[in-house]
Protein backbone atom coordinates (compact mmCIF):
# COMPACT_ATOMS: atom_id res chain seq x y z
CA MET A 1 95.10 22.29 98.17
CA GLY A 2 91.82 24.11 98.04
CA GLN A 3 88.58 23.91 96.17
CA CYS A 4 86.92 26.23 93.73
CA MET A 5 83.32 26.06 92.62
CA ASP A 6 82.66 26.22 88.88
CA SER A 7 79.20 25.59 87.43
CA GLY A 8 78.27 23.37 90.36
CA VAL A 9 81.36 21.16 90.03
CA ILE A 10 83.98 21.29 92.76
CA LYS A 11 87.52 21.23 91.41
CA VAL A 12 90.17 20.10 93.84
CA GLY A 13 93.33 22.17 93.64
CA TRP A 14 93.86 25.86 93.12
CA GLU A 15 93.84 26.03 89.35
CA MET A 16 90.80 27.75 87.90
CA ASP A 17 89.58 28.64 84.45
CA PRO A 18 90.11 32.24 83.29
CA VAL A 19 86.43 33.27 83.38
CA THR A 20 86.03 32.00 86.94
CA LEU A 21 89.12 34.01 87.90
CA ILE A 22 87.75 37.19 86.28
CA VAL A 23 84.37 36.85 88.03
CA ALA A 24 86.05 36.07 91.38
CA ALA A 25 88.32 39.11 91.02
CA LEU A 26 85.34 41.36 90.27
CA VAL A 27 83.58 40.11 93.41
CA ALA A 28 86.70 40.44 95.58
CA GLY A 29 87.53 43.87 94.17
CA ALA A 30 84.03 45.20 94.74
CA ALA A 31 83.97 43.85 98.30
CA ALA A 32 87.42 45.22 99.11
CA GLY A 33 86.61 48.57 97.51
CA LEU A 34 83.69 49.08 99.87
CA LYS A 35 85.98 49.05 102.90
CA ASP A 36 87.31 52.36 104.16
CA THR A 37 90.73 50.72 104.52
CA ALA A 38 90.95 49.71 100.84
CA SER A 39 94.08 51.08 99.24
CA SER A 40 94.00 53.21 96.13
CA ALA A 41 95.92 50.39 94.39
CA ILE A 42 93.01 47.98 95.01
CA LYS A 43 90.45 50.54 93.83
CA ASP A 44 92.53 51.33 90.74
CA ALA A 45 93.05 47.65 89.91
CA TYR A 46 89.32 46.96 90.34
CA ASP A 47 88.35 49.93 88.16
CA GLY A 48 90.87 48.83 85.54
CA LEU A 49 89.55 45.26 85.47
CA LYS A 50 85.96 46.45 85.36
CA GLY A 51 86.83 48.75 82.44
CA LEU A 52 88.43 45.89 80.51
CA VAL A 53 85.38 43.69 81.17
CA ARG A 54 83.03 46.49 80.10
CA ARG A 55 84.92 46.92 76.81
CA ARG A 56 84.90 43.15 76.23
CA LEU A 57 81.12 43.02 76.77
CA ALA A 58 80.30 46.22 74.82
CA ASP A 59 79.33 44.34 71.64
CA ARG A 60 77.12 41.83 73.47
CA PRO A 61 73.44 42.74 73.82
CA GLY A 62 72.83 43.16 77.53
CA GLY A 63 76.44 42.39 78.43
CA GLU A 64 77.09 45.69 80.19
CA LEU A 65 73.74 45.44 81.96
CA VAL A 66 74.74 42.04 83.36
CA LEU A 67 78.04 43.55 84.57
CA ASP A 68 76.20 46.42 86.31
CA ARG A 69 73.70 44.05 87.92
CA HIS A 70 76.53 41.76 89.01
CA GLU A 71 78.15 44.64 90.87
CA GLN A 72 74.88 45.19 92.77
CA ASP A 73 74.12 41.51 93.50
CA PRO A 74 77.02 39.15 92.69
CA GLN A 75 75.35 36.01 94.07
CA VAL A 76 72.42 36.32 91.66
CA TRP A 77 74.44 37.54 88.66
CA ASP A 78 77.62 35.41 88.91
CA LYS A 79 76.42 32.76 86.48
CA PRO A 80 74.92 35.17 83.89
CA LEU A 81 78.12 37.24 83.97
CA ALA A 82 80.26 34.13 83.53
CA GLN A 83 78.10 33.12 80.55
CA GLU A 84 78.46 36.56 78.96
CA LEU A 85 82.23 36.59 79.53
CA THR A 86 82.56 33.11 78.04
CA ALA A 87 80.48 34.04 74.99
CA ALA A 88 82.56 37.21 74.53
CA GLY A 89 85.83 35.23 74.62
CA ALA A 90 87.07 36.91 77.80
CA GLY A 91 88.91 33.78 78.89
CA ASP A 92 91.16 34.08 75.84
CA ASP A 93 92.07 37.71 76.60
CA PRO A 94 95.47 37.78 78.33
CA ALA A 95 94.96 41.41 79.43
CA LEU A 96 91.79 40.47 81.31
CA VAL A 97 93.36 37.43 82.93
CA THR A 98 96.45 39.40 83.94
CA ALA A 99 94.33 42.25 85.35
CA ALA A 100 92.26 39.75 87.37
CA GLN A 101 95.41 38.09 88.72
CA ALA A 102 96.91 41.47 89.63
CA LEU A 103 93.77 42.45 91.53
CA MET A 104 93.69 39.12 93.39
CA GLN A 105 97.34 39.59 94.31
CA LEU A 106 96.41 42.87 96.01
CA VAL A 107 93.29 41.49 97.68
CA ASP A 108 94.68 38.05 98.62
CA ALA A 109 98.48 38.13 98.52
CA ALA A 110 98.83 34.82 100.37
CA GLY A 111 96.47 33.03 97.98
CA SER A 112 98.26 34.49 94.98
CA ALA A 113 101.65 33.41 96.31
CA ALA A 114 100.28 29.89 96.82
CA GLY A 115 99.17 29.76 93.17
CA LYS A 116 95.48 29.96 94.00
CA TYR A 117 94.74 32.21 91.03
CA GLU A 118 96.72 30.43 88.35
CA VAL A 119 94.56 29.66 85.35
CA SER A 120 94.10 26.61 83.19
CA ALA A 121 93.33 26.64 79.49
CA SER A 122 91.78 24.21 77.03
CA ASP A 123 91.73 23.39 73.33
CA HIS A 124 95.49 22.88 73.09
CA ALA A 125 96.14 26.28 74.67
CA ALA A 126 97.97 27.09 77.84
CA ALA A 127 97.83 30.13 80.05
CA ALA A 128 100.62 30.92 82.45
CA GLY A 129 101.01 33.80 84.82
CA ARG A 130 104.50 32.66 85.76
CA ASP A 131 106.79 29.80 84.72
CA MET A 132 105.76 27.22 82.17
CA ASN A 133 107.40 24.02 80.94
CA ILE A 134 106.37 22.51 77.62
CA SER A 135 107.13 18.85 77.00
CA ALA A 136 106.00 16.08 74.69
CA SER A 137 105.73 12.36 75.14
CA GLY A 138 105.05 9.35 72.98
CA GLY A 139 106.87 10.74 69.96
CA GLY A 140 104.99 14.06 70.05
CA THR A 141 106.45 17.46 69.31
CA ALA A 142 106.59 20.18 71.93
CA ALA A 143 106.16 23.73 70.68
CA GLY A 144 105.02 27.02 72.05
CA VAL A 145 104.19 30.53 70.91
CA ILE A 146 104.98 33.29 73.36
CA HIS A 147 102.97 36.50 73.55
CA GLY A 148 104.16 39.25 75.85
CA ASN A 149 107.38 40.00 77.65
CA VAL A 150 109.67 37.09 78.39
CA THR A 151 112.79 37.00 80.49
CA PRO A 152 114.55 33.67 80.11
CA PRO A 153 116.58 32.30 83.00
CA GLY A 154 120.34 31.91 82.76
CA PRO A 155 121.61 28.99 80.69
CA THR A 156 121.56 25.51 82.15
CA LEU A 157 125.03 24.44 83.20
CA PRO A 158 126.25 21.10 81.87
CA GLY A 159 126.32 18.26 84.34
CA PRO A 160 129.03 15.67 84.89
CA VAL A 161 129.80 13.27 82.05
CA GLN A 162 127.96 9.99 82.46
CA GLY A 163 129.42 6.73 81.04
CA GLY A 164 131.50 6.63 77.87
CA PRO A 165 135.27 6.31 77.48
CA HIS A 166 137.57 7.98 80.00
CA PRO A 167 140.84 8.96 78.28
CA GLY A 168 143.93 8.80 80.44
CA ARG A 169 142.67 6.09 82.75
């Protein structure tokens, strides 16, 4: 278990909201990109994420300015950037979330493998970077809409028969 800071509230566990993930990936990508040892894959992933963010903020007055200032001084501009991303609906953009997760996988492979950069969603929505189970309780109905590529696992094999009549006994 770990902790992530979001708007002054510490959340226990690794799950984080999509906007927090995007901002964290921008910070990590910029820091990693400054190192001479940074791979071209990290630099490309960072540039790709930054381009997606820039396009998302293009229609927001001052949005791109906040992104540029954030790159220069992330500690001061983290919160304003998160506010701009939230207002622009960046957390609902699967391409942005996927790009942020991909960058974090390059920068922090161990954290990614541990599920540190999995995202949570709200308002009856769910975001999953990997496997997802949908279930209902209390007479509810479980349903899901899938966007993107899906590769289902092999079929579940039937288990042994439980109870009931046993012919031939």
